[in-house]
Protein backbone atom coordinates (compact mmCIF):
# COMPACT_ATOMS: atom_id res chain seq x y z
CA UNK A 1 -8.02 -24.37 -11.89
CA UNK A 2 -6.69 -21.06 -10.62
CA UNK A 3 -6.07 -21.24 -6.90
CA UNK A 4 -4.46 -19.15 -4.20
CA UNK A 5 -1.15 -21.02 -4.30
CA UNK A 6 -0.73 -20.31 -8.01
CA UNK A 7 -1.68 -16.67 -7.41
CA UNK A 8 0.92 -16.29 -4.69
CA UNK A 9 3.60 -17.92 -6.87
CA UNK A 10 2.82 -15.56 -9.75
CA UNK A 11 2.80 -12.56 -7.43
CA UNK A 12 6.16 -13.51 -5.96
CA UNK A 13 7.60 -13.98 -9.45
CA UNK A 14 6.34 -10.57 -10.56
CA UNK A 15 7.65 -8.94 -7.40
CA UNK A 16 11.03 -10.59 -7.86
CA UNK A 17 11.28 -9.26 -11.39
CA UNK A 18 10.37 -5.77 -10.28
CA UNK A 19 12.79 -6.13 -7.39
CA UNK A 20 15.66 -6.59 -9.81
CA UNK A 21 14.71 -3.34 -11.50
CA UNK A 22 14.25 -1.59 -8.17
CA UNK A 23 17.73 -2.65 -7.12
CA UNK A 24 19.10 -0.34 -9.78
CA UNK A 25 17.52 2.62 -7.98
CA UNK A 26 19.21 1.93 -4.67
CA UNK A 27 22.68 2.98 -3.63
CA UNK A 28 23.43 1.09 -0.45
CA UNK A 29 22.44 2.05 3.09
CA UNK A 30 19.24 3.59 4.36
CA UNK A 31 20.04 7.09 3.14
CA UNK A 32 21.36 6.94 -0.41
CA UNK A 33 22.59 10.22 -1.78
CA UNK A 34 24.02 13.19 0.08
CA UNK A 35 20.87 15.28 -0.43
CA UNK A 36 18.91 13.30 2.18
CA UNK A 37 19.25 13.27 5.98
CA UNK A 38 20.10 9.94 7.59
CA UNK A 39 17.05 7.68 7.84
CA UNK A 40 16.19 4.58 9.85
CA UNK A 41 13.10 3.07 8.23
CA UNK A 42 13.12 4.64 4.76
CA UNK A 43 15.49 3.34 2.11
CA UNK A 44 16.16 6.41 -0.01
CA UNK A 45 16.96 6.17 -3.72
CA UNK A 46 20.17 7.71 -4.99
CA UNK A 47 18.10 9.63 -7.54
CA UNK A 48 14.35 10.33 -7.16
CA UNK A 49 12.32 8.94 -10.04
CA UNK A 50 9.56 11.02 -11.68
CA UNK A 51 6.18 9.27 -11.77
CA UNK A 52 4.04 9.18 -14.91
CA UNK A 53 0.76 11.10 -14.82
CA UNK A 54 -2.01 9.35 -12.90
CA UNK A 55 -5.57 10.02 -11.84
CA UNK A 56 -7.29 8.34 -8.90
CA UNK A 57 -10.77 8.83 -7.40
CA UNK A 58 -10.63 10.11 -3.85
CA UNK A 59 -13.09 9.17 -1.15
CA UNK A 60 -14.81 12.55 -1.48
CA UNK A 61 -15.42 11.95 -5.18
CA UNK A 62 -12.74 14.34 -6.45
CA UNK A 63 -9.79 13.31 -8.61
CA UNK A 64 -6.31 12.91 -7.16
CA UNK A 65 -3.79 13.71 -9.87
CA UNK A 66 -0.01 13.78 -9.94
CA UNK A 67 0.50 17.44 -9.09
CA UNK A 68 -1.77 17.33 -6.04
CA UNK A 69 0.84 15.38 -4.09
CA UNK A 70 3.38 18.16 -4.54
CA UNK A 71 4.51 20.11 -1.50
CA UNK A 72 4.38 17.17 0.93
CA UNK A 73 6.22 13.94 1.56
CA UNK A 74 3.67 11.17 0.95
CA UNK A 75 3.67 7.55 2.09
CA UNK A 76 1.65 5.35 -0.31
CA UNK A 77 0.16 2.00 0.68
CA UNK A 78 -1.75 -0.37 -1.62
CA UNK A 79 -4.45 -2.50 0.01
CA UNK A 80 -8.18 -3.22 0.20
CA UNK A 81 -10.86 -2.89 2.84
CA UNK A 82 -11.65 -6.63 3.06
CA UNK A 83 -8.02 -7.41 3.91
CA UNK A 84 -8.00 -9.54 7.09
CA UNK A 85 -4.60 -8.67 8.51
CA UNK A 86 -1.85 -6.78 6.65
CA UNK A 87 -3.92 -3.74 5.67
CA UNK A 88 -5.48 -2.89 9.03
CA UNK A 89 -2.20 -3.56 10.80
CA UNK A 90 -0.25 -1.32 8.41
CA UNK A 91 -2.79 1.51 8.56
CA UNK A 92 -2.80 1.32 12.35
CA UNK A 93 1.00 1.57 12.40
CA UNK A 94 0.93 4.49 9.99
CA UNK A 95 -1.69 6.20 12.17
CA UNK A 96 0.76 6.00 15.07
CA UNK A 97 3.39 7.69 12.91
CA UNK A 98 0.90 10.37 11.85
CA UNK A 99 0.23 11.27 15.48
CA UNK A 100 3.95 11.79 16.03
CA UNK A 101 4.37 14.27 13.15
CA UNK A 102 1.10 16.07 13.91
CA UNK A 103 2.94 19.14 15.20
CA UNK A 104 4.47 19.88 11.78
CA UNK A 105 2.85 22.73 9.82
CA UNK A 106 -0.22 21.67 7.83
CA UNK A 107 1.26 23.08 4.64
CA UNK A 108 4.21 20.68 4.70
CA UNK A 109 3.04 17.87 7.00
CA UNK A 110 3.61 14.37 5.54
CA UNK A 111 0.64 12.55 4.11
CA UNK A 112 -0.46 8.94 4.00
CA UNK A 113 -2.27 7.77 0.86
CA UNK A 114 -4.21 4.50 0.99
CA UNK A 115 -5.02 3.18 -2.50
CA UNK A 116 -7.52 0.33 -2.77
CA UNK A 117 -6.71 -2.22 -5.46
CA UNK A 118 -10.20 -3.74 -5.13
CA UNK A 119 -12.47 -1.27 -6.96
CA UNK A 120 -15.06 -3.99 -7.52
CA UNK A 121 -15.99 -3.93 -3.84
CA UNK A 122 -14.36 -0.74 -2.56
CA UNK A 123 -16.36 2.34 -3.47
CA UNK A 124 -14.85 5.78 -2.76
CA UNK A 125 -17.22 6.14 0.22
CA UNK A 126 -16.22 2.77 1.64
CA UNK A 127 -12.48 3.39 1.39
CA UNK A 128 -12.90 6.79 3.01
CA UNK A 129 -14.77 5.36 5.98
CA UNK A 130 -12.22 2.57 6.28
CA UNK A 131 -9.08 4.72 6.09
CA UNK A 132 -10.49 7.47 8.31
CA UNK A 133 -11.23 4.87 10.97
CA UNK A 134 -7.45 4.78 11.50
CA UNK A 135 -6.68 8.46 10.90
CA UNK A 136 -8.88 11.25 9.61
CA UNK A 137 -5.85 12.71 7.82
CA UNK A 138 -5.27 9.66 5.63
CA UNK A 139 -6.04 10.19 1.96
CA UNK A 140 -8.00 7.33 0.37
CA UNK A 141 -8.40 6.68 -3.35
CA UNK A 142 -9.01 4.02 -5.97
CA UNK A 143 -9.53 3.78 -9.74
CA UNK A 144 -10.45 1.26 -12.40
CA UNK A 145 -8.14 -1.74 -12.70
CA UNK A 146 -6.07 -0.54 -15.70
CA UNK A 147 -5.34 2.78 -13.99
CA UNK A 148 -4.48 1.00 -10.75
CA UNK A 149 -2.14 -1.37 -12.57
CA UNK A 150 -0.35 1.54 -14.19
CA UNK A 151 -0.05 3.39 -10.89
CA UNK A 152 1.22 0.29 -9.06
CA UNK A 153 3.72 -0.47 -11.80
CA UNK A 154 5.11 3.06 -11.60
CA UNK A 155 5.80 2.45 -7.90
CA UNK A 156 7.37 -0.96 -8.55
CA UNK A 157 4.39 -2.66 -6.88
CA UNK A 158 2.08 -5.47 -7.98
CA UNK A 159 -1.37 -6.74 -7.05
CA UNK A 160 -3.51 -9.66 -8.13
CA UNK A 161 -7.06 -10.91 -7.67
CA UNK A 162 -7.05 -14.40 -6.12
CA UNK A 163 -10.33 -16.34 -6.45
CA UNK A 164 -11.42 -18.39 -3.45
CA UNK A 165 -12.62 -21.98 -3.40
CA UNK A 166 -16.24 -20.98 -4.09
CA UNK A 167 -15.58 -18.20 -6.59
CA UNK A 168 -17.50 -19.96 -9.38
CA UNK A 169 -20.67 -19.93 -7.30
CA UNK A 170 -19.97 -16.66 -5.49
CA UNK A 171 -18.09 -13.94 -7.45
CA UNK A 172 -17.45 -12.11 -4.15
CA UNK A 173 -15.35 -15.01 -2.88
CA UNK A 174 -11.91 -13.66 -3.65
CA UNK A 175 -8.99 -11.88 -2.03
CA UNK A 176 -6.34 -9.48 -3.30
CA UNK A 177 -2.63 -10.20 -3.07
CA UNK A 178 -0.56 -7.03 -3.17
CA UNK A 179 2.86 -5.61 -2.38
CA UNK A 180 3.29 -4.89 1.31
CA UNK A 181 6.03 -2.25 0.93
CA UNK A 182 5.31 1.47 1.28
CA UNK A 183 6.33 3.96 -1.40
CA UNK A 184 7.75 7.33 -0.32
CA UNK A 185 6.98 10.24 -2.64
CA UNK A 186 8.90 13.51 -2.29
CA UNK A 187 7.43 17.06 -2.41
CA UNK A 188 8.14 17.20 -6.16
CA UNK A 189 5.93 14.18 -6.77
CA UNK A 190 8.85 11.82 -7.42
CA UNK A 191 9.33 8.37 -5.95
CA UNK A 192 12.24 8.93 -3.60
CA UNK A 193 12.31 5.85 -1.40
CA UNK A 194 10.64 2.78 0.04
CA UNK A 195 9.78 1.35 3.45
CA UNK A 196 9.81 -2.41 3.90
CA UNK A 197 8.05 -4.35 6.67
CA UNK A 198 8.17 -4.86 9.56
CA UNK A 199 7.14 -1.26 10.10
CA UNK A 200 8.31 0.79 13.06
CA UNK A 201 5.98 3.79 13.57
CA UNK A 202 8.45 5.78 15.65
CA UNK A 203 11.25 5.34 13.07
CA UNK A 204 8.91 6.17 10.18
CA UNK A 205 7.73 9.32 11.96
CA UNK A 206 11.30 10.35 12.72
CA UNK A 207 12.39 9.84 9.10
CA UNK A 208 9.46 11.72 7.57
CA UNK A 209 9.85 14.55 10.05
CA UNK A 210 13.55 14.88 9.19
CA UNK A 211 12.87 14.73 5.46
CA UNK A 212 10.11 17.34 5.78
CA UNK A 213 12.35 19.73 7.70
CA UNK A 214 15.23 19.18 5.27
CA UNK A 215 13.11 20.10 2.24
CA UNK A 216 10.87 22.78 3.78
CA UNK A 217 10.82 26.02 1.76
């Protein structure tokens, strides 16, 4: 029988495999590559990696496609609204960072994108209400499972549905295991770095502010 322990083991194995690939993108230190300012929380890649085309459904019902992230630094977090601990904690920490970069111009201000990997329960309306409870500026989106898997894979992330003890009797008895790292997307829509927990809002805000100023037109 599939249980949570097996799910966690599989998730760790998948993450480890992707971690080996991700290691090829890094070049030592927090700020890899001379084109970036020194960072504290963000591990920058030596060379930003273009993302394949994607399309997600935003909380307002519109589509979020690749090009719409251009012009801003974007922090991407995968989660789900029924998450008991990691998701609300992370979104609360990111909301603290958002307050600290609020003074930056709207046209270049960093964004936070929350992507639900639980489309079975998380409607666009629900994810919008959830994310905006932490910050009204947070973008919230989801998609069907194949599209979410492709998007997560492009970021080097994984997620998995983990049935609970009573899943056979109650199909709603399940959780979602998912990567806890944050992806950092540059103004050209390329994956440029990653933030690993534990998260430090002040350091994240400082890094994204510096990156925004360094790449402002």
